[in-house]
């Protein structure tokens, strides 16, 4: 039984244990900085396993709490809804970003490149930024339509030093068939390869140089975007990620290039 840790309480877990005492409970955590969340720490201690979207110290934190098995499982995509959508003029943009400029709760450890890059991006023409500086956010199908209609999608975390850690913005954008320019995180090529499935950058100036080049070279932009979408739909679809999670429960491991289990 997989439980979304941000949507459950410790007392509910106790009740589940009473009703199905032999169930294997897996906590799925997509939030960051678990050490700053006392409620989540209480929940973690009651789990048999935890899967999280990072392979660094945040996952190690759960192992140190005494959770028997902790594993990296990336965010999945659903090819039925995260895919290219028909032409919609209002979403036809050169660059798109979905998210805040600064996350208040990550303020002390936030990557300064995010604010620098997004502040500059706001001044450019033919760019859409949803959720930044009070602008309306997009969710669900509308977000996927906007992503698929844009030429380039920016993916940058609030923190970019954690191994294999990306927000769901990363896979959502790739799966919609958009060229994704992403701030590099450690070992991210195990997920998608640079210049083959996505393009990684290490600094804001590099991002703007890459966007300028790919906006002038449509065929190369489309080639990488198509290859990225194909890999996302094949290797990170919900069915495969669910099967890898079941393998983890039944065999204690799973098979993937990015496997990481504590």
C-alpha atoms as a PDB file:
ATOM      1  CA  UNK A   1       0.000   0.000   0.000  1.00  0.00           C
ATOM      2  CA  UNK A   2       1.486   3.319  -1.123  1.00  0.00           C
ATOM      3  CA  UNK A   3       0.615   6.346   1.020  1.00  0.00           C
ATOM      4  CA  UNK A   4       1.273   9.953  -0.010  1.00  0.00           C
ATOM      5  CA  UNK A   5       3.022  11.282   3.072  1.00  0.00           C
ATOM      6  CA  UNK A   6       1.857  14.872   2.769  1.00  0.00           C
ATOM      7  CA  UNK A   7      -1.787  13.701   2.654  1.00  0.00           C
ATOM      8  CA  UNK A   8      -1.922  11.416   5.686  1.00  0.00           C
ATOM      9  CA  UNK A   9      -1.659  11.634   9.487  1.00  0.00           C
ATOM     10  CA  UNK A  10       0.187   9.328  11.917  1.00  0.00           C
ATOM     11  CA  UNK A  11      -3.072   8.255  13.597  1.00  0.00           C
ATOM     12  CA  UNK A  12      -4.489   7.153  10.243  1.00  0.00           C
ATOM     13  CA  UNK A  13      -1.477   4.894   9.760  1.00  0.00           C
ATOM     14  CA  UNK A  14      -2.182   3.270  13.127  1.00  0.00           C
ATOM     15  CA  UNK A  15      -5.749   2.619  12.006  1.00  0.00           C
ATOM     16  CA  UNK A  16      -4.550   1.078   8.737  1.00  0.00           C
ATOM     17  CA  UNK A  17      -2.233  -1.202  10.704  1.00  0.00           C
ATOM     18  CA  UNK A  18      -5.187  -2.421  12.767  1.00  0.00           C
ATOM     19  CA  UNK A  19      -7.332  -3.150   9.724  1.00  0.00           C
ATOM     20  CA  UNK A  20      -4.613  -4.723   7.527  1.00  0.00           C
ATOM     21  CA  UNK A  21      -1.822  -5.720   9.928  1.00  0.00           C
ATOM     22  CA  UNK A  22       0.211  -7.546   7.275  1.00  0.00           C
ATOM     23  CA  UNK A  23       0.190  -4.771   4.679  1.00  0.00           C
ATOM     24  CA  UNK A  24       3.514  -3.368   3.526  1.00  0.00           C
ATOM     25  CA  UNK A  25       3.197   0.395   3.846  1.00  0.00           C
ATOM     26  CA  UNK A  26       5.245   2.581   1.517  1.00  0.00           C
ATOM     27  CA  UNK A  27       5.402   6.315   2.073  1.00  0.00           C
ATOM     28  CA  UNK A  28       5.863   8.382  -1.073  1.00  0.00           C
ATOM     29  CA  UNK A  29       7.519  11.734  -0.424  1.00  0.00           C
ATOM     30  CA  UNK A  30       7.847  14.407  -3.099  1.00  0.00           C
ATOM     31  CA  UNK A  31       8.494  17.275  -0.706  1.00  0.00           C
ATOM     32  CA  UNK A  32      11.930  18.512   0.309  1.00  0.00           C
ATOM     33  CA  UNK A  33      13.747  19.108   3.580  1.00  0.00           C
ATOM     34  CA  UNK A  34      12.007  16.332   5.556  1.00  0.00           C
ATOM     35  CA  UNK A  35      14.062  17.232   8.627  1.00  0.00           C
ATOM     36  CA  UNK A  36      12.099  20.486   8.818  1.00  0.00           C
ATOM     37  CA  UNK A  37       8.721  18.741   8.984  1.00  0.00           C
ATOM     38  CA  UNK A  38       8.013  17.105  12.358  1.00  0.00           C
ATOM     39  CA  UNK A  39       4.720  15.593  11.216  1.00  0.00           C
ATOM     40  CA  UNK A  40       6.362  13.921   8.235  1.00  0.00           C
ATOM     41  CA  UNK A  41       9.110  12.569  10.473  1.00  0.00           C
ATOM     42  CA  UNK A  42       6.468  10.924  12.680  1.00  0.00           C
ATOM     43  CA  UNK A  43       4.817   9.428   9.608  1.00  0.00           C
ATOM     44  CA  UNK A  44       8.129   8.140   8.229  1.00  0.00           C
ATOM     45  CA  UNK A  45       8.883   6.170  11.402  1.00  0.00           C
ATOM     46  CA  UNK A  46       5.680   4.178  10.890  1.00  0.00           C
ATOM     47  CA  UNK A  47       6.490   3.123   7.307  1.00  0.00           C
ATOM     48  CA  UNK A  48       8.002  -0.145   6.090  1.00  0.00           C
ATOM     49  CA  UNK A  49       9.587   1.610   3.116  1.00  0.00           C
ATOM     50  CA  UNK A  50       9.866   5.118   1.734  1.00  0.00           C
ATOM     51  CA  UNK A  51      10.234   6.175  -1.872  1.00  0.00           C
ATOM     52  CA  UNK A  52      11.294   9.736  -2.621  1.00  0.00           C
ATOM     53  CA  UNK A  53      12.212  11.845  -5.632  1.00  0.00           C
ATOM     54  CA  UNK A  54      15.827  12.330  -4.580  1.00  0.00           C
ATOM     55  CA  UNK A  55      18.885  10.157  -4.044  1.00  0.00           C
ATOM     56  CA  UNK A  56      20.749  12.334  -1.584  1.00  0.00           C
ATOM     57  CA  UNK A  57      20.743  13.457   2.054  1.00  0.00           C
ATOM     58  CA  UNK A  58      16.966  13.862   2.231  1.00  0.00           C
ATOM     59  CA  UNK A  59      16.537  10.163   1.445  1.00  0.00           C
ATOM     60  CA  UNK A  60      19.372   9.310   3.831  1.00  0.00           C
ATOM     61  CA  UNK A  61      17.501  11.202   6.558  1.00  0.00           C
ATOM     62  CA  UNK A  62      14.713   8.627   6.413  1.00  0.00           C
ATOM     63  CA  UNK A  63      17.170   5.745   6.519  1.00  0.00           C
ATOM     64  CA  UNK A  64      18.801   7.266   9.588  1.00  0.00           C
ATOM     65  CA  UNK A  65      15.380   7.361  11.250  1.00  0.00           C
ATOM     66  CA  UNK A  66      15.303   3.582  11.019  1.00  0.00           C
ATOM     67  CA  UNK A  67      13.096   3.078   7.959  1.00  0.00           C
ATOM     68  CA  UNK A  68      13.980  -0.388   6.701  1.00  0.00           C
ATOM     69  CA  UNK A  69      14.152   0.416   2.992  1.00  0.00           C
ATOM     70  CA  UNK A  70      14.471   3.818   1.321  1.00  0.00           C
ATOM     71  CA  UNK A  71      14.592   4.175  -2.457  1.00  0.00           C
ATOM     72  CA  UNK A  72      14.741   6.785  -5.173  1.00  0.00           C
ATOM     73  CA  UNK A  73      11.738   6.671  -7.495  1.00  0.00           C
ATOM     74  CA  UNK A  74      11.411   9.620  -9.903  1.00  0.00           C
ATOM     75  CA  UNK A  75       8.230  11.477 -10.760  1.00  0.00           C
ATOM     76  CA  UNK A  76       6.241   9.564 -13.397  1.00  0.00           C
ATOM     77  CA  UNK A  77       4.340  10.840 -16.427  1.00  0.00           C
ATOM     78  CA  UNK A  78       1.079   9.800 -18.046  1.00  0.00           C
ATOM     79  CA  UNK A  79       1.435   9.721 -21.855  1.00  0.00           C
ATOM     80  CA  UNK A  80      -2.355   9.913 -22.249  1.00  0.00           C
ATOM     81  CA  UNK A  81      -2.449  13.459 -20.883  1.00  0.00           C
ATOM     82  CA  UNK A  82       1.188  14.613 -20.843  1.00  0.00           C
ATOM     83  CA  UNK A  83       1.701  14.821 -24.577  1.00  0.00           C
ATOM     84  CA  UNK A  84       1.610  17.309 -27.477  1.00  0.00           C
ATOM     85  CA  UNK A  85      -1.675  19.215 -27.843  1.00  0.00           C
ATOM     86  CA  UNK A  86      -3.115  20.994 -30.897  1.00  0.00           C
ATOM     87  CA  UNK A  87      -2.015  24.498 -31.784  1.00  0.00           C
ATOM     88  CA  UNK A  88      -3.451  27.128 -29.426  1.00  0.00           C
ATOM     89  CA  UNK A  89      -2.407  30.725 -30.207  1.00  0.00           C
ATOM     90  CA  UNK A  90      -2.540  31.940 -26.599  1.00  0.00           C
ATOM     91  CA  UNK A  91       0.060  29.359 -25.588  1.00  0.00           C
ATOM     92  CA  UNK A  92       2.450  29.820 -28.527  1.00  0.00           C
ATOM     93  CA  UNK A  93       5.537  31.119 -26.734  1.00  0.00           C
ATOM     94  CA  UNK A  94       9.291  30.857 -27.155  1.00  0.00           C
ATOM     95  CA  UNK A  95       9.907  30.060 -23.490  1.00  0.00           C
ATOM     96  CA  UNK A  96       7.647  28.919 -20.658  1.00  0.00           C
ATOM     97  CA  UNK A  97       8.145  28.512 -16.926  1.00  0.00           C
ATOM     98  CA  UNK A  98       5.637  27.246 -14.373  1.00  0.00           C
ATOM     99  CA  UNK A  99       6.389  28.104 -10.742  1.00  0.00           C
ATOM    100  CA  UNK A 100       7.410  30.755  -8.243  1.00  0.00           C
ATOM    101  CA  UNK A 101      10.535  32.873  -8.488  1.00  0.00           C
ATOM    102  CA  UNK A 102      11.461  32.245  -4.848  1.00  0.00           C
ATOM    103  CA  UNK A 103      10.200  29.584  -2.450  1.00  0.00           C
ATOM    104  CA  UNK A 104      10.028  31.201   0.980  1.00  0.00           C
ATOM    105  CA  UNK A 105      10.590  27.962   2.867  1.00  0.00           C
ATOM    106  CA  UNK A 106      13.835  27.308   0.946  1.00  0.00           C
ATOM    107  CA  UNK A 107      15.110  30.863   1.349  1.00  0.00           C
ATOM    108  CA  UNK A 108      18.305  30.074   3.271  1.00  0.00           C
ATOM    109  CA  UNK A 109      19.470  27.285   0.983  1.00  0.00           C
ATOM    110  CA  UNK A 110      17.880  28.379  -2.296  1.00  0.00           C
ATOM    111  CA  UNK A 111      19.921  28.468  -5.486  1.00  0.00           C
ATOM    112  CA  UNK A 112      20.425  32.187  -6.318  1.00  0.00           C
ATOM    113  CA  UNK A 113      20.514  31.303 -10.027  1.00  0.00           C
ATOM    114  CA  UNK A 114      16.766  30.727  -9.959  1.00  0.00           C
ATOM    115  CA  UNK A 115      15.863  34.267  -8.924  1.00  0.00           C
ATOM    116  CA  UNK A 116      18.535  35.748 -11.202  1.00  0.00           C
ATOM    117  CA  UNK A 117      17.375  33.791 -14.222  1.00  0.00           C
ATOM    118  CA  UNK A 118      13.629  34.271 -13.694  1.00  0.00           C
ATOM    119  CA  UNK A 119      13.951  37.987 -12.979  1.00  0.00           C
ATOM    120  CA  UNK A 120      15.717  38.448 -16.300  1.00  0.00           C
ATOM    121  CA  UNK A 121      13.278  36.161 -18.081  1.00  0.00           C
ATOM    122  CA  UNK A 122      10.392  38.420 -17.048  1.00  0.00           C
ATOM    123  CA  UNK A 123      11.815  41.240 -19.171  1.00  0.00           C
ATOM    124  CA  UNK A 124      11.893  39.229 -22.391  1.00  0.00           C
ATOM    125  CA  UNK A 125       9.335  39.113 -25.187  1.00  0.00           C
ATOM    126  CA  UNK A 126       7.207  36.077 -26.060  1.00  0.00           C
ATOM    127  CA  UNK A 127       7.743  34.405 -22.682  1.00  0.00           C
ATOM    128  CA  UNK A 128       5.080  32.956 -20.386  1.00  0.00           C
ATOM    129  CA  UNK A 129       5.644  32.668 -16.638  1.00  0.00           C
ATOM    130  CA  UNK A 130       2.761  31.152 -14.705  1.00  0.00           C
ATOM    131  CA  UNK A 131       2.792  31.474 -10.913  1.00  0.00           C
ATOM    132  CA  UNK A 132       5.633  34.000 -10.742  1.00  0.00           C
ATOM    133  CA  UNK A 133       5.133  37.289  -8.870  1.00  0.00           C
ATOM    134  CA  UNK A 134       1.439  36.721  -8.307  1.00  0.00           C
ATOM    135  CA  UNK A 135       0.629  35.716 -11.876  1.00  0.00           C
ATOM    136  CA  UNK A 136      -2.038  33.060 -12.378  1.00  0.00           C
ATOM    137  CA  UNK A 137      -0.892  29.472 -12.144  1.00  0.00           C
ATOM    138  CA  UNK A 138      -1.768  26.729 -14.603  1.00  0.00           C
ATOM    139  CA  UNK A 139      -2.713  23.216 -13.567  1.00  0.00           C
ATOM    140  CA  UNK A 140      -3.734  19.967 -15.205  1.00  0.00           C
ATOM    141  CA  UNK A 141      -4.585  19.832 -18.892  1.00  0.00           C
ATOM    142  CA  UNK A 142      -4.219  23.607 -19.317  1.00  0.00           C
ATOM    143  CA  UNK A 143      -0.640  23.385 -18.080  1.00  0.00           C
ATOM    144  CA  UNK A 144       0.146  20.510 -20.417  1.00  0.00           C
ATOM    145  CA  UNK A 145      -1.398  22.410 -23.355  1.00  0.00           C
ATOM    146  CA  UNK A 146       0.747  25.448 -22.567  1.00  0.00           C
ATOM    147  CA  UNK A 147       3.905  23.359 -22.210  1.00  0.00           C
ATOM    148  CA  UNK A 148       3.375  21.487 -25.455  1.00  0.00           C
ATOM    149  CA  UNK A 149       2.702  24.707 -27.391  1.00  0.00           C
ATOM    150  CA  UNK A 150       5.886  26.409 -26.187  1.00  0.00           C
ATOM    151  CA  UNK A 151       9.217  25.917 -27.927  1.00  0.00           C
ATOM    152  CA  UNK A 152      11.357  25.749 -24.785  1.00  0.00           C
ATOM    153  CA  UNK A 153      10.467  24.959 -21.181  1.00  0.00           C
ATOM    154  CA  UNK A 154      12.695  25.987 -18.297  1.00  0.00           C
ATOM    155  CA  UNK A 155      13.177  23.596 -15.396  1.00  0.00           C
ATOM    156  CA  UNK A 156      15.085  24.845 -12.372  1.00  0.00           C
ATOM    157  CA  UNK A 157      14.665  23.722  -8.773  1.00  0.00           C
ATOM    158  CA  UNK A 158      14.814  25.899  -5.693  1.00  0.00           C
ATOM    159  CA  UNK A 159      17.761  23.664  -4.713  1.00  0.00           C
ATOM    160  CA  UNK A 160      19.946  22.015  -7.369  1.00  0.00           C
ATOM    161  CA  UNK A 161      22.626  20.219  -5.356  1.00  0.00           C
ATOM    162  CA  UNK A 162      20.693  17.046  -4.467  1.00  0.00           C
ATOM    163  CA  UNK A 163      21.471  13.921  -6.486  1.00  0.00           C
ATOM    164  CA  UNK A 164      18.837  13.020  -9.121  1.00  0.00           C
ATOM    165  CA  UNK A 165      16.379  15.487  -7.609  1.00  0.00           C
ATOM    166  CA  UNK A 166      13.947  17.300  -9.921  1.00  0.00           C
ATOM    167  CA  UNK A 167      10.494  18.710  -9.312  1.00  0.00           C
ATOM    168  CA  UNK A 168       7.649  17.258 -11.395  1.00  0.00           C
ATOM    169  CA  UNK A 169       8.075  20.318 -13.663  1.00  0.00           C
ATOM    170  CA  UNK A 170      10.987  18.430 -15.263  1.00  0.00           C
ATOM    171  CA  UNK A 171       9.137  15.280 -16.368  1.00  0.00           C
ATOM    172  CA  UNK A 172       5.898  17.154 -17.132  1.00  0.00           C
ATOM    173  CA  UNK A 173       7.664  19.410 -19.618  1.00  0.00           C
ATOM    174  CA  UNK A 174       9.656  16.630 -21.285  1.00  0.00           C
ATOM    175  CA  UNK A 175       6.597  14.383 -21.636  1.00  0.00           C
ATOM    176  CA  UNK A 176       4.664  17.173 -23.378  1.00  0.00           C
ATOM    177  CA  UNK A 177       7.184  17.234 -26.229  1.00  0.00           C
ATOM    178  CA  UNK A 178       8.837  20.525 -25.397  1.00  0.00           C
ATOM    179  CA  UNK A 179      12.580  21.103 -25.469  1.00  0.00           C
ATOM    180  CA  UNK A 180      13.567  21.285 -21.796  1.00  0.00           C
ATOM    181  CA  UNK A 181      16.485  23.373 -20.608  1.00  0.00           C
ATOM    182  CA  UNK A 182      17.188  22.272 -17.054  1.00  0.00           C
ATOM    183  CA  UNK A 183      19.611  23.359 -14.359  1.00  0.00           C
ATOM    184  CA  UNK A 184      21.977  20.440 -13.916  1.00  0.00           C
ATOM    185  CA  UNK A 185      21.771  18.345 -10.738  1.00  0.00           C
ATOM    186  CA  UNK A 186      24.230  15.575  -9.781  1.00  0.00           C
ATOM    187  CA  UNK A 187      23.962  12.446 -11.971  1.00  0.00           C
ATOM    188  CA  UNK A 188      20.968  13.801 -13.881  1.00  0.00           C
ATOM    189  CA  UNK A 189      22.265  12.190 -17.103  1.00  0.00           C
ATOM    190  CA  UNK A 190      21.124   8.854 -15.664  1.00  0.00           C
ATOM    191  CA  UNK A 191      17.574  10.117 -16.198  1.00  0.00           C
ATOM    192  CA  UNK A 192      17.865  12.056 -19.459  1.00  0.00           C
ATOM    193  CA  UNK A 193      21.067  12.642 -21.422  1.00  0.00           C
ATOM    194  CA  UNK A 194      22.378  16.095 -22.231  1.00  0.00           C
ATOM    195  CA  UNK A 195      21.907  17.184 -25.859  1.00  0.00           C
ATOM    196  CA  UNK A 196      20.097  13.902 -26.564  1.00  0.00           C
ATOM    197  CA  UNK A 197      16.877  14.133 -24.542  1.00  0.00           C
ATOM    198  CA  UNK A 198      17.189  17.542 -22.830  1.00  0.00           C
ATOM    199  CA  UNK A 199      19.755  20.315 -22.483  1.00  0.00           C
ATOM    200  CA  UNK A 200      21.398  21.099 -19.158  1.00  0.00           C
ATOM    201  CA  UNK A 201      22.952  24.365 -18.082  1.00  0.00           C
ATOM    202  CA  UNK A 202      25.056  25.370 -15.088  1.00  0.00           C
ATOM    203  CA  UNK A 203      24.586  29.148 -14.983  1.00  0.00           C
ATOM    204  CA  UNK A 204      22.005  31.747 -16.101  1.00  0.00           C
ATOM    205  CA  UNK A 205      24.168  33.121 -18.924  1.00  0.00           C
ATOM    206  CA  UNK A 206      24.508  29.625 -20.347  1.00  0.00           C
ATOM    207  CA  UNK A 207      20.725  29.209 -20.278  1.00  0.00           C
ATOM    208  CA  UNK A 208      20.197  32.353 -22.331  1.00  0.00           C
ATOM    209  CA  UNK A 209      22.928  31.377 -24.791  1.00  0.00           C
ATOM    210  CA  UNK A 210      21.281  27.984 -25.281  1.00  0.00           C
ATOM    211  CA  UNK A 211      17.794  29.430 -25.735  1.00  0.00           C
ATOM    212  CA  UNK A 212      19.091  31.856 -28.324  1.00  0.00           C
ATOM    213  CA  UNK A 213      20.778  29.047 -30.247  1.00  0.00           C
ATOM    214  CA  UNK A 214      17.863  26.596 -30.156  1.00  0.00           C
ATOM    215  CA  UNK A 215      15.303  29.225 -31.121  1.00  0.00           C
ATOM    216  CA  UNK A 216      17.377  29.743 -34.266  1.00  0.00           C
ATOM    217  CA  UNK A 217      17.826  26.014 -34.965  1.00  0.00           C
ATOM    218  CA  UNK A 218      14.353  24.526 -35.065  1.00  0.00           C
ATOM    219  CA  UNK A 219      15.272  21.115 -36.432  1.00  0.00           C
ATOM    220  CA  UNK A 220      17.766  20.424 -33.634  1.00  0.00           C
ATOM    221  CA  UNK A 221      15.345  21.739 -31.028  1.00  0.00           C
ATOM    222  CA  UNK A 222      12.584  19.468 -32.287  1.00  0.00           C
ATOM    223  CA  UNK A 223      14.911  16.460 -32.532  1.00  0.00           C
ATOM    224  CA  UNK A 224      15.938  16.659 -28.880  1.00  0.00           C
ATOM    225  CA  UNK A 225      12.400  17.427 -27.718  1.00  0.00           C
ATOM    226  CA  UNK A 226      11.028  14.411 -29.595  1.00  0.00           C
ATOM    227  CA  UNK A 227      13.727  12.082 -28.231  1.00  0.00           C
ATOM    228  CA  UNK A 228      13.094  13.335 -24.710  1.00  0.00           C
ATOM    229  CA  UNK A 229       9.356  12.779 -24.984  1.00  0.00           C
ATOM    230  CA  UNK A 230       9.877   9.282 -26.377  1.00  0.00           C
ATOM    231  CA  UNK A 231      12.143   8.354 -23.447  1.00  0.00           C
ATOM    232  CA  UNK A 232       9.762   9.898 -20.905  1.00  0.00           C
ATOM    233  CA  UNK A 233       6.766   8.009 -22.279  1.00  0.00           C
ATOM    234  CA  UNK A 234       8.666   4.714 -22.463  1.00  0.00           C
ATOM    235  CA  UNK A 235      10.795   4.720 -19.319  1.00  0.00           C
ATOM    236  CA  UNK A 236       8.901   6.964 -16.881  1.00  0.00           C
ATOM    237  CA  UNK A 237       5.251   6.223 -17.595  1.00  0.00           C
ATOM    238  CA  UNK A 238       2.958   5.482 -14.650  1.00  0.00           C
ATOM    239  CA  UNK A 239       2.698   1.761 -15.423  1.00  0.00           C
ATOM    240  CA  UNK A 240       6.458   1.232 -15.421  1.00  0.00           C
ATOM    241  CA  UNK A 241       7.037   3.314 -12.298  1.00  0.00           C
ATOM    242  CA  UNK A 242       4.255   1.367 -10.543  1.00  0.00           C
ATOM    243  CA  UNK A 243       5.901  -1.915 -11.587  1.00  0.00           C
ATOM    244  CA  UNK A 244       9.281  -0.796 -10.260  1.00  0.00           C
ATOM    245  CA  UNK A 245       7.592   0.107  -6.990  1.00  0.00           C
ATOM    246  CA  UNK A 246       6.009  -3.352  -6.823  1.00  0.00           C
ATOM    247  CA  UNK A 247       9.417  -4.908  -7.537  1.00  0.00           C
ATOM    248  CA  UNK A 248      10.806  -2.947  -4.620  1.00  0.00           C
ATOM    249  CA  UNK A 249       8.094  -4.337  -2.341  1.00  0.00           C
ATOM    250  CA  UNK A 250       8.301  -7.935  -3.536  1.00  0.00           C
ATOM    251  CA  UNK A 251      12.021  -8.327  -4.261  1.00  0.00           C
ATOM    252  CA  UNK A 252      13.624  -5.486  -2.326  1.00  0.00           C
ATOM    253  CA  UNK A 253      15.087  -3.994  -5.503  1.00  0.00           C
ATOM    254  CA  UNK A 254      14.219  -2.861  -9.019  1.00  0.00           C
ATOM    255  CA  UNK A 255      16.016  -2.610 -12.361  1.00  0.00           C
ATOM    256  CA  UNK A 256      16.810   0.852 -13.737  1.00  0.00           C
ATOM    257  CA  UNK A 257      19.894   2.812 -14.707  1.00  0.00           C
ATOM    258  CA  UNK A 258      19.103   5.250 -11.909  1.00  0.00           C
ATOM    259  CA  UNK A 259      18.483   2.637  -9.180  1.00  0.00           C
ATOM    260  CA  UNK A 260      19.355   3.873  -5.705  1.00  0.00           C
ATOM    261  CA  UNK A 261      18.240   1.953  -2.630  1.00  0.00           C
ATOM    262  CA  UNK A 262      19.298   2.339   0.987  1.00  0.00           C
END
